Amino acid sequence: VDYPSRKTIWTGIFISAIFFGLIH
């Protein structure tokens, strides 16, 4: 797809937030 859906964006937000926690 050319543009990310809201679901795709929230998936990116949550996965990056999990890694954000792990790095701390």
mmCIF file of all heavy atoms, coordinates in Angstrom:
data_MODEL
# 
_entry.id   MODEL 
# 
loop_
_atom_site.group_PDB 
_atom_site.id 
_atom_site.type_symbol 
_atom_site.label_atom_id 
_atom_site.label_alt_id 
_atom_site.label_comp_id 
_atom_site.label_asym_id 
_atom_site.label_entity_id 
_atom_site.label_seq_id 
_atom_site.pdbx_PDB_ins_code 
_atom_site.Cartn_x 
_atom_site.Cartn_y 
_atom_site.Cartn_z 
_atom_site.occupancy 
_atom_site.B_iso_or_equiv 
_atom_site.pdbx_formal_charge 
_atom_site.auth_seq_id 
_atom_site.auth_comp_id 
_atom_site.auth_asym_id 
_atom_site.auth_atom_id 
_atom_site.pdbx_PDB_model_num 
ATOM 1   N N   . VAL A 1 1  ? 0.848  -1.195 0.000  1.00 0.00 ? 1  VAL A N   1 
ATOM 2   C CA  . VAL A 1 1  ? 0.000  0.000  0.000  1.00 0.00 ? 1  VAL A CA  1 
ATOM 3   C C   . VAL A 1 1  ? 0.884  1.246  0.000  1.00 0.00 ? 1  VAL A C   1 
ATOM 4   O O   . VAL A 1 1  ? 2.023  1.215  0.451  1.00 0.00 ? 1  VAL A O   1 
ATOM 5   C CB  . VAL A 1 1  ? -0.943 0.031  1.224  1.00 0.00 ? 1  VAL A CB  1 
ATOM 6   C CG1 . VAL A 1 1  ? -1.939 -1.112 1.150  1.00 0.00 ? 1  VAL A CG1 1 
ATOM 7   C CG2 . VAL A 1 1  ? -0.152 -0.039 2.526  1.00 0.00 ? 1  VAL A CG2 1 
ATOM 8   N N   . ASP A 1 2  ? 0.338  2.336  -0.509 1.00 0.00 ? 2  ASP A N   1 
ATOM 9   C CA  . ASP A 1 2  ? 1.104  3.578  -0.608 1.00 0.00 ? 2  ASP A CA  1 
ATOM 10  C C   . ASP A 1 2  ? 1.072  4.395  0.677  1.00 0.00 ? 2  ASP A C   1 
ATOM 11  O O   . ASP A 1 2  ? 2.028  5.112  0.984  1.00 0.00 ? 2  ASP A O   1 
ATOM 12  C CB  . ASP A 1 2  ? 0.575  4.438  -1.763 1.00 0.00 ? 2  ASP A CB  1 
ATOM 13  C CG  . ASP A 1 2  ? 0.838  3.796  -3.120 1.00 0.00 ? 2  ASP A CG  1 
ATOM 14  O OD1 . ASP A 1 2  ? 1.868  3.115  -3.250 1.00 0.00 ? 2  ASP A OD1 1 
ATOM 15  O OD2 . ASP A 1 2  ? -0.001 3.971  -4.032 1.00 0.00 ? 2  ASP A OD2 1 
ATOM 16  N N   . TYR A 1 3  ? -0.039 4.289  1.425  1.00 0.00 ? 3  TYR A N   1 
ATOM 17  C CA  . TYR A 1 3  ? -0.169 5.089  2.641  1.00 0.00 ? 3  TYR A CA  1 
ATOM 18  C C   . TYR A 1 3  ? -0.519 4.176  3.820  1.00 0.00 ? 3  TYR A C   1 
ATOM 19  O O   . TYR A 1 3  ? -1.325 3.245  3.684  1.00 0.00 ? 3  TYR A O   1 
ATOM 20  C CB  . TYR A 1 3  ? -1.257 6.149  2.471  1.00 0.00 ? 3  TYR A CB  1 
ATOM 21  C CG  . TYR A 1 3  ? -0.958 7.125  1.360  1.00 0.00 ? 3  TYR A CG  1 
ATOM 22  C CD1 . TYR A 1 3  ? -1.537 6.972  0.095  1.00 0.00 ? 3  TYR A CD1 1 
ATOM 23  C CD2 . TYR A 1 3  ? -0.083 8.188  1.564  1.00 0.00 ? 3  TYR A CD2 1 
ATOM 24  C CE1 . TYR A 1 3  ? -1.245 7.877  -0.929 1.00 0.00 ? 3  TYR A CE1 1 
ATOM 25  C CE2 . TYR A 1 3  ? 0.209  9.086  0.545  1.00 0.00 ? 3  TYR A CE2 1 
ATOM 26  C CZ  . TYR A 1 3  ? -0.370 8.922  -0.698 1.00 0.00 ? 3  TYR A CZ  1 
ATOM 27  O OH  . TYR A 1 3  ? -0.080 9.794  -1.707 1.00 0.00 ? 3  TYR A OH  1 
ATOM 28  N N   . PRO A 1 4  ? 0.069  4.434  4.980  1.00 0.00 ? 4  PRO A N   1 
ATOM 29  C CA  . PRO A 1 4  ? -0.200 3.570  6.141  1.00 0.00 ? 4  PRO A CA  1 
ATOM 30  C C   . PRO A 1 4  ? -1.592 3.813  6.715  1.00 0.00 ? 4  PRO A C   1 
ATOM 31  O O   . PRO A 1 4  ? -2.051 4.955  6.792  1.00 0.00 ? 4  PRO A O   1 
ATOM 32  C CB  . PRO A 1 4  ? 0.880  3.981  7.136  1.00 0.00 ? 4  PRO A CB  1 
ATOM 33  C CG  . PRO A 1 4  ? 1.196  5.402  6.791  1.00 0.00 ? 4  PRO A CG  1 
ATOM 34  C CD  . PRO A 1 4  ? 1.039  5.496  5.294  1.00 0.00 ? 4  PRO A CD  1 
ATOM 35  N N   . SER A 1 5  ? -2.253 2.740  7.107  1.00 0.00 ? 5  SER A N   1 
ATOM 36  C CA  . SER A 1 5  ? -3.557 2.855  7.759  1.00 0.00 ? 5  SER A CA  1 
ATOM 37  C C   . SER A 1 5  ? -3.348 3.189  9.232  1.00 0.00 ? 5  SER A C   1 
ATOM 38  O O   . SER A 1 5  ? -2.232 3.110  9.761  1.00 0.00 ? 5  SER A O   1 
ATOM 39  C CB  . SER A 1 5  ? -4.320 1.538  7.644  1.00 0.00 ? 5  SER A CB  1 
ATOM 40  O OG  . SER A 1 5  ? -3.631 0.506  8.342  1.00 0.00 ? 5  SER A OG  1 
ATOM 41  N N   . ARG A 1 6  ? -4.421 3.558  9.904  1.00 0.00 ? 6  ARG A N   1 
ATOM 42  C CA  . ARG A 1 6  ? -4.345 3.825  11.348 1.00 0.00 ? 6  ARG A CA  1 
ATOM 43  C C   . ARG A 1 6  ? -3.891 2.589  12.098 1.00 0.00 ? 6  ARG A C   1 
ATOM 44  O O   . ARG A 1 6  ? -3.099 2.680  13.057 1.00 0.00 ? 6  ARG A O   1 
ATOM 45  C CB  . ARG A 1 6  ? -5.703 4.290  11.869 1.00 0.00 ? 6  ARG A CB  1 
ATOM 46  C CG  . ARG A 1 6  ? -6.144 5.643  11.355 1.00 0.00 ? 6  ARG A CG  1 
ATOM 47  C CD  . ARG A 1 6  ? -7.513 6.001  11.895 1.00 0.00 ? 6  ARG A CD  1 
ATOM 48  N NE  . ARG A 1 6  ? -7.490 6.151  13.329 1.00 0.00 ? 6  ARG A NE  1 
ATOM 49  C CZ  . ARG A 1 6  ? -7.229 7.296  13.955 1.00 0.00 ? 6  ARG A CZ  1 
ATOM 50  N NH1 . ARG A 1 6  ? -6.972 8.390  13.259 1.00 0.00 ? 6  ARG A NH1 1 
ATOM 51  N NH2 . ARG A 1 6  ? -7.240 7.371  15.272 1.00 0.00 ? 6  ARG A NH2 1 
ATOM 52  N N   . LYS A 1 7  ? -4.349 1.413  11.670 1.00 0.00 ? 7  LYS A N   1 
ATOM 53  C CA  . LYS A 1 7  ? -3.941 0.161  12.319 1.00 0.00 ? 7  LYS A CA  1 
ATOM 54  C C   . LYS A 1 7  ? -2.441 -0.050 12.176 1.00 0.00 ? 7  LYS A C   1 
ATOM 55  O O   . LYS A 1 7  ? -1.764 -0.465 13.129 1.00 0.00 ? 7  LYS A O   1 
ATOM 56  C CB  . LYS A 1 7  ? -4.709 -1.008 11.696 1.00 0.00 ? 7  LYS A CB  1 
ATOM 57  C CG  . LYS A 1 7  ? -4.361 -2.363 12.315 1.00 0.00 ? 7  LYS A CG  1 
ATOM 58  C CD  . LYS A 1 7  ? -5.153 -3.475 11.661 1.00 0.00 ? 7  LYS A CD  1 
ATOM 59  C CE  . LYS A 1 7  ? -4.777 -4.842 12.250 1.00 0.00 ? 7  LYS A CE  1 
ATOM 60  N NZ  . LYS A 1 7  ? -5.537 -5.942 11.602 1.00 0.00 ? 7  LYS A NZ  1 
ATOM 61  N N   . THR A 1 8  ? -1.917 0.236  10.995 1.00 0.00 ? 8  THR A N   1 
ATOM 62  C CA  . THR A 1 8  ? -0.483 0.090  10.759 1.00 0.00 ? 8  THR A CA  1 
ATOM 63  C C   . THR A 1 8  ? 0.310  1.046  11.642 1.00 0.00 ? 8  THR A C   1 
ATOM 64  O O   . THR A 1 8  ? 1.326  0.664  12.246 1.00 0.00 ? 8  THR A O   1 
ATOM 65  C CB  . THR A 1 8  ? -0.151 0.362  9.281  1.00 0.00 ? 8  THR A CB  1 
ATOM 66  O OG1 . THR A 1 8  ? -0.789 -0.636 8.470  1.00 0.00 ? 8  THR A OG1 1 
ATOM 67  C CG2 . THR A 1 8  ? 1.351  0.324  9.039  1.00 0.00 ? 8  THR A CG2 1 
ATOM 68  N N   . ILE A 1 9  ? -0.150 2.276  11.747 1.00 0.00 ? 9  ILE A N   1 
ATOM 69  C CA  . ILE A 1 9  ? 0.549  3.266  12.556 1.00 0.00 ? 9  ILE A CA  1 
ATOM 70  C C   . ILE A 1 9  ? 0.527  2.878  14.036 1.00 0.00 ? 9  ILE A C   1 
ATOM 71  O O   . ILE A 1 9  ? 1.558  2.947  14.721 1.00 0.00 ? 9  ILE A O   1 
ATOM 72  C CB  . ILE A 1 9  ? -0.072 4.666  12.354 1.00 0.00 ? 9  ILE A CB  1 
ATOM 73  C CG1 . ILE A 1 9  ? 0.233  5.163  10.938 1.00 0.00 ? 9  ILE A CG1 1 
ATOM 74  C CG2 . ILE A 1 9  ? 0.480  5.650  13.393 1.00 0.00 ? 9  ILE A CG2 1 
ATOM 75  C CD1 . ILE A 1 9  ? -0.450 6.456  10.572 1.00 0.00 ? 9  ILE A CD1 1 
ATOM 76  N N   . TRP A 1 10 ? -0.632 2.434  14.519 1.00 0.00 ? 10 TRP A N   1 
ATOM 77  C CA  . TRP A 1 10 ? -0.707 2.036  15.929 1.00 0.00 ? 10 TRP A CA  1 
ATOM 78  C C   . TRP A 1 10 ? 0.132  0.794  16.205 1.00 0.00 ? 10 TRP A C   1 
ATOM 79  O O   . TRP A 1 10 ? 0.697  0.647  17.291 1.00 0.00 ? 10 TRP A O   1 
ATOM 80  C CB  . TRP A 1 10 ? -2.157 1.816  16.344 1.00 0.00 ? 10 TRP A CB  1 
ATOM 81  C CG  . TRP A 1 10 ? -2.858 3.089  16.696 1.00 0.00 ? 10 TRP A CG  1 
ATOM 82  C CD1 . TRP A 1 10 ? -3.838 3.716  15.991 1.00 0.00 ? 10 TRP A CD1 1 
ATOM 83  C CD2 . TRP A 1 10 ? -2.592 3.919  17.827 1.00 0.00 ? 10 TRP A CD2 1 
ATOM 84  N NE1 . TRP A 1 10 ? -4.211 4.875  16.608 1.00 0.00 ? 10 TRP A NE1 1 
ATOM 85  C CE2 . TRP A 1 10 ? -3.469 5.035  17.742 1.00 0.00 ? 10 TRP A CE2 1 
ATOM 86  C CE3 . TRP A 1 10 ? -1.702 3.828  18.901 1.00 0.00 ? 10 TRP A CE3 1 
ATOM 87  C CZ2 . TRP A 1 10 ? -3.468 6.042  18.702 1.00 0.00 ? 10 TRP A CZ2 1 
ATOM 88  C CZ3 . TRP A 1 10 ? -1.710 4.847  19.851 1.00 0.00 ? 10 TRP A CZ3 1 
ATOM 89  C CH2 . TRP A 1 10 ? -2.583 5.923  19.753 1.00 0.00 ? 10 TRP A CH2 1 
ATOM 90  N N   . THR A 1 11 ? 0.237  -0.080 15.229 1.00 0.00 ? 11 THR A N   1 
ATOM 91  C CA  . THR A 1 11 ? 1.122  -1.243 15.381 1.00 0.00 ? 11 THR A CA  1 
ATOM 92  C C   . THR A 1 11 ? 2.563  -0.768 15.540 1.00 0.00 ? 11 THR A C   1 
ATOM 93  O O   . THR A 1 11 ? 3.301  -1.258 16.412 1.00 0.00 ? 11 THR A O   1 
ATOM 94  C CB  . THR A 1 11 ? 1.019  -2.168 14.156 1.00 0.00 ? 11 THR A CB  1 
ATOM 95  O OG1 . THR A 1 11 ? -0.328 -2.637 14.035 1.00 0.00 ? 11 THR A OG1 1 
ATOM 96  C CG2 . THR A 1 11 ? 1.956  -3.362 14.300 1.00 0.00 ? 11 THR A CG2 1 
ATOM 97  N N   . GLY A 1 12 ? 2.970  0.193  14.698 1.00 0.00 ? 12 GLY A N   1 
ATOM 98  C CA  . GLY A 1 12 ? 4.315  0.753  14.806 1.00 0.00 ? 12 GLY A CA  1 
ATOM 99  C C   . GLY A 1 12 ? 4.540  1.440  16.133 1.00 0.00 ? 12 GLY A C   1 
ATOM 100 O O   . GLY A 1 12 ? 5.621  1.326  16.733 1.00 0.00 ? 12 GLY A O   1 
ATOM 101 N N   . ILE A 1 13 ? 3.531  2.144  16.624 1.00 0.00 ? 13 ILE A N   1 
ATOM 102 C CA  . ILE A 1 13 ? 3.643  2.839  17.906 1.00 0.00 ? 13 ILE A CA  1 
ATOM 103 C C   . ILE A 1 13 ? 3.852  1.838  19.041 1.00 0.00 ? 13 ILE A C   1 
ATOM 104 O O   . ILE A 1 13 ? 4.748  1.999  19.879 1.00 0.00 ? 13 ILE A O   1 
ATOM 105 C CB  . ILE A 1 13 ? 2.386  3.691  18.170 1.00 0.00 ? 13 ILE A CB  1 
ATOM 106 C CG1 . ILE A 1 13 ? 2.352  4.900  17.231 1.00 0.00 ? 13 ILE A CG1 1 
ATOM 107 C CG2 . ILE A 1 13 ? 2.339  4.161  19.629 1.00 0.00 ? 13 ILE A CG2 1 
ATOM 108 C CD1 . ILE A 1 13 ? 1.069  5.718  17.310 1.00 0.00 ? 13 ILE A CD1 1 
ATOM 109 N N   . PHE A 1 14 ? 3.029  0.779  19.074 1.00 0.00 ? 14 PHE A N   1 
ATOM 110 C CA  . PHE A 1 14 ? 3.102  -0.187 20.175 1.00 0.00 ? 14 PHE A CA  1 
ATOM 111 C C   . PHE A 1 14 ? 4.391  -1.010 20.142 1.00 0.00 ? 14 PHE A C   1 
ATOM 112 O O   . PHE A 1 14 ? 5.024  -1.237 21.178 1.00 0.00 ? 14 PHE A O   1 
ATOM 113 C CB  . PHE A 1 14 ? 1.886  -1.119 20.156 1.00 0.00 ? 14 PHE A CB  1 
ATOM 114 C CG  . PHE A 1 14 ? 0.633  -0.490 20.697 1.00 0.00 ? 14 PHE A CG  1 
ATOM 115 C CD1 . PHE A 1 14 ? -0.535 -0.479 19.956 1.00 0.00 ? 14 PHE A CD1 1 
ATOM 116 C CD2 . PHE A 1 14 ? 0.615  0.094  21.953 1.00 0.00 ? 14 PHE A CD2 1 
ATOM 117 C CE1 . PHE A 1 14 ? -1.690 0.106  20.447 1.00 0.00 ? 14 PHE A CE1 1 
ATOM 118 C CE2 . PHE A 1 14 ? -0.524 0.690  22.452 1.00 0.00 ? 14 PHE A CE2 1 
ATOM 119 C CZ  . PHE A 1 14 ? -1.686 0.693  21.702 1.00 0.00 ? 14 PHE A CZ  1 
ATOM 120 N N   . ILE A 1 15 ? 4.792  -1.469 18.972 1.00 0.00 ? 15 ILE A N   1 
ATOM 121 C CA  . ILE A 1 15 ? 6.011  -2.271 18.884 1.00 0.00 ? 15 ILE A CA  1 
ATOM 122 C C   . ILE A 1 15 ? 7.236  -1.444 19.279 1.00 0.00 ? 15 ILE A C   1 
ATOM 123 O O   . ILE A 1 15 ? 8.102  -1.902 20.037 1.00 0.00 ? 15 ILE A O   1 
ATOM 124 C CB  . ILE A 1 15 ? 6.192  -2.854 17.466 1.00 0.00 ? 15 ILE A CB  1 
ATOM 125 C CG1 . ILE A 1 15 ? 5.083  -3.872 17.170 1.00 0.00 ? 15 ILE A CG1 1 
ATOM 126 C CG2 . ILE A 1 15 ? 7.564  -3.535 17.329 1.00 0.00 ? 15 ILE A CG2 1 
ATOM 127 C CD1 . ILE A 1 15 ? 5.124  -4.436 15.759 1.00 0.00 ? 15 ILE A CD1 1 
ATOM 128 N N   . SER A 1 16 ? 7.304  -0.213 18.788 1.00 0.00 ? 16 SER A N   1 
ATOM 129 C CA  . SER A 1 16 ? 8.439  0.647  19.151 1.00 0.00 ? 16 SER A CA  1 
ATOM 130 C C   . SER A 1 16 ? 8.411  0.980  20.637 1.00 0.00 ? 16 SER A C   1 
ATOM 131 O O   . SER A 1 16 ? 9.469  1.117  21.271 1.00 0.00 ? 16 SER A O   1 
ATOM 132 C CB  . SER A 1 16 ? 8.444  1.927  18.309 1.00 0.00 ? 16 SER A CB  1 
ATOM 133 O OG  . SER A 1 16 ? 7.267  2.687  18.506 1.00 0.00 ? 16 SER A OG  1 
ATOM 134 N N   . ALA A 1 17 ? 7.208  1.100  21.227 1.00 0.00 ? 17 ALA A N   1 
ATOM 135 C CA  . ALA A 1 17 ? 7.096  1.374  22.659 1.00 0.00 ? 17 ALA A CA  1 
ATOM 136 C C   . ALA A 1 17 ? 7.591  0.185  23.484 1.00 0.00 ? 17 ALA A C   1 
ATOM 137 O O   . ALA A 1 17 ? 8.195  0.368  24.557 1.00 0.00 ? 17 ALA A O   1 
ATOM 138 C CB  . ALA A 1 17 ? 5.651  1.704  23.021 1.00 0.00 ? 17 ALA A CB  1 
ATOM 139 N N   . ILE A 1 18 ? 7.358  -1.025 23.005 1.00 0.00 ? 18 ILE A N   1 
ATOM 140 C CA  . ILE A 1 18 ? 7.861  -2.218 23.698 1.00 0.00 ? 18 ILE A CA  1 
ATOM 141 C C   . ILE A 1 18 ? 9.387  -2.219 23.703 1.00 0.00 ? 18 ILE A C   1 
ATOM 142 O O   . ILE A 1 18 ? 10.032 -2.459 24.742 1.00 0.00 ? 18 ILE A O   1 
ATOM 143 C CB  . ILE A 1 18 ? 7.317  -3.498 23.039 1.00 0.00 ? 18 ILE A CB  1 
ATOM 144 C CG1 . ILE A 1 18 ? 5.815  -3.623 23.296 1.00 0.00 ? 18 ILE A CG1 1 
ATOM 145 C CG2 . ILE A 1 18 ? 8.057  -4.738 23.571 1.00 0.00 ? 18 ILE A CG2 1 
ATOM 146 C CD1 . ILE A 1 18 ? 5.140  -4.738 22.520 1.00 0.00 ? 18 ILE A CD1 1 
ATOM 147 N N   . PHE A 1 19 ? 9.993  -1.926 22.564 1.00 0.00 ? 19 PHE A N   1 
ATOM 148 C CA  . PHE A 1 19 ? 11.448 -1.850 22.499 1.00 0.00 ? 19 PHE A CA  1 
ATOM 149 C C   . PHE A 1 19 ? 11.970 -0.691 23.343 1.00 0.00 ? 19 PHE A C   1 
ATOM 150 O O   . PHE A 1 19 ? 13.060 -0.771 23.920 1.00 0.00 ? 19 PHE A O   1 
ATOM 151 C CB  . PHE A 1 19 ? 11.912 -1.711 21.047 1.00 0.00 ? 19 PHE A CB  1 
ATOM 152 C CG  . PHE A 1 19 ? 11.946 -3.011 20.296 1.00 0.00 ? 19 PHE A CG  1 
ATOM 153 C CD1 . PHE A 1 19 ? 10.880 -3.410 19.511 1.00 0.00 ? 19 PHE A CD1 1 
ATOM 154 C CD2 . PHE A 1 19 ? 13.052 -3.851 20.378 1.00 0.00 ? 19 PHE A CD2 1 
ATOM 155 C CE1 . PHE A 1 19 ? 10.893 -4.610 18.830 1.00 0.00 ? 19 PHE A CE1 1 
ATOM 156 C CE2 . PHE A 1 19 ? 13.089 -5.047 19.697 1.00 0.00 ? 19 PHE A CE2 1 
ATOM 157 C CZ  . PHE A 1 19 ? 12.012 -5.439 18.918 1.00 0.00 ? 19 PHE A CZ  1 
ATOM 158 N N   . PHE A 1 20 ? 11.189 0.367  23.411 1.00 0.00 ? 20 PHE A N   1 
ATOM 159 C CA  . PHE A 1 20 ? 11.531 1.518  24.241 1.00 0.00 ? 20 PHE A CA  1 
ATOM 160 C C   . PHE A 1 20 ? 11.634 1.087  25.711 1.00 0.00 ? 20 PHE A C   1 
ATOM 161 O O   . PHE A 1 20 ? 12.528 1.540  26.442 1.00 0.00 ? 20 PHE A O   1 
ATOM 162 C CB  . PHE A 1 20 ? 10.464 2.597  24.057 1.00 0.00 ? 20 PHE A CB  1 
ATOM 163 C CG  . PHE A 1 20 ? 10.728 3.877  24.783 1.00 0.00 ? 20 PHE A CG  1 
ATOM 164 C CD1 . PHE A 1 20 ? 11.839 4.647  24.495 1.00 0.00 ? 20 PHE A CD1 1 
ATOM 165 C CD2 . PHE A 1 20 ? 9.829  4.340  25.739 1.00 0.00 ? 20 PHE A CD2 1 
ATOM 166 C CE1 . PHE A 1 20 ? 12.064 5.847  25.156 1.00 0.00 ? 20 PHE A CE1 1 
ATOM 167 C CE2 . PHE A 1 20 ? 10.042 5.535  26.394 1.00 0.00 ? 20 PHE A CE2 1 
ATOM 168 C CZ  . PHE A 1 20 ? 11.165 6.291  26.110 1.00 0.00 ? 20 PHE A CZ  1 
ATOM 169 N N   . GLY A 1 21 ? 10.716 0.220  26.129 1.00 0.00 ? 21 GLY A N   1 
ATOM 170 C CA  . GLY A 1 21 ? 10.766 -0.305 27.490 1.00 0.00 ? 21 GLY A CA  1 
ATOM 171 C C   . GLY A 1 21 ? 11.951 -1.228 27.708 1.00 0.00 ? 21 GLY A C   1 
ATOM 172 O O   . GLY A 1 21 ? 12.649 -1.147 28.727 1.00 0.00 ? 21 GLY A O   1 
ATOM 173 N N   . LEU A 1 22 ? 12.210 -2.092 26.742 1.00 0.00 ? 22 LEU A N   1 
ATOM 174 C CA  . LEU A 1 22 ? 13.310 -3.051 26.872 1.00 0.00 ? 22 LEU A CA  1 
ATOM 175 C C   . LEU A 1 22 ? 14.661 -2.358 26.998 1.00 0.00 ? 22 LEU A C   1 
ATOM 176 O O   . LEU A 1 22 ? 15.530 -2.798 27.756 1.00 0.00 ? 22 LEU A O   1 
ATOM 177 C CB  . LEU A 1 22 ? 13.318 -3.997 25.659 1.00 0.00 ? 22 LEU A CB  1 
ATOM 178 C CG  . LEU A 1 22 ? 12.173 -5.001 25.573 1.00 0.00 ? 22 LEU A CG  1 
ATOM 179 C CD1 . LEU A 1 22 ? 12.210 -5.740 24.230 1.00 0.00 ? 22 LEU A CD1 1 
ATOM 180 C CD2 . LEU A 1 22 ? 12.234 -6.003 26.731 1.00 0.00 ? 22 LEU A CD2 1 
ATOM 181 N N   . ILE A 1 23 ? 14.846 -1.271 26.251 1.00 0.00 ? 23 ILE A N   1 
ATOM 182 C CA  . ILE A 1 23 ? 16.133 -0.578 26.278 1.00 0.00 ? 23 ILE A CA  1 
ATOM 183 C C   . ILE A 1 23 ? 16.365 0.108  27.620 1.00 0.00 ? 23 ILE A C   1 
ATOM 184 O O   . ILE A 1 23 ? 17.512 0.439  27.973 1.00 0.00 ? 23 ILE A O   1 
ATOM 185 C CB  . ILE A 1 23 ? 16.219 0.442  25.115 1.00 0.00 ? 23 ILE A CB  1 
ATOM 186 C CG1 . ILE A 1 23 ? 17.693 0.750  24.768 1.00 0.00 ? 23 ILE A CG1 1 
ATOM 187 C CG2 . ILE A 1 23 ? 15.501 1.720  25.482 1.00 0.00 ? 23 ILE A CG2 1 
ATOM 188 C CD1 . ILE A 1 23 ? 18.434 -0.381 24.148 1.00 0.00 ? 23 ILE A CD1 1 
ATOM 189 N N   . HIS A 1 24 ? 15.294 0.334  28.394 1.00 0.00 ? 24 HIS A N   1 
ATOM 190 C CA  . HIS A 1 24 ? 15.440 0.980  29.695 1.00 0.00 ? 24 HIS A CA  1 
ATOM 191 C C   . HIS A 1 24 ? 15.745 -0.018 30.814 1.00 0.00 ? 24 HIS A C   1 
ATOM 192 O O   . HIS A 1 24 ? 16.076 0.404  31.934 1.00 0.00 ? 24 HIS A O   1 
ATOM 193 C CB  . HIS A 1 24 ? 14.186 1.778  30.046 1.00 0.00 ? 24 HIS A CB  1 
ATOM 194 C CG  . HIS A 1 24 ? 14.116 3.111  29.378 1.00 0.00 ? 24 HIS A CG  1 
ATOM 195 N ND1 . HIS A 1 24 ? 13.681 3.271  28.077 1.00 0.00 ? 24 HIS A ND1 1 
ATOM 196 C CD2 . HIS A 1 24 ? 14.447 4.361  29.811 1.00 0.00 ? 24 HIS A CD2 1 
ATOM 197 C CE1 . HIS A 1 24 ? 13.738 4.548  27.751 1.00 0.00 ? 24 HIS A CE1 1 
ATOM 198 N NE2 . HIS A 1 24 ? 14.201 5.231  28.779 1.00 0.00 ? 24 HIS A NE2 1 
# 
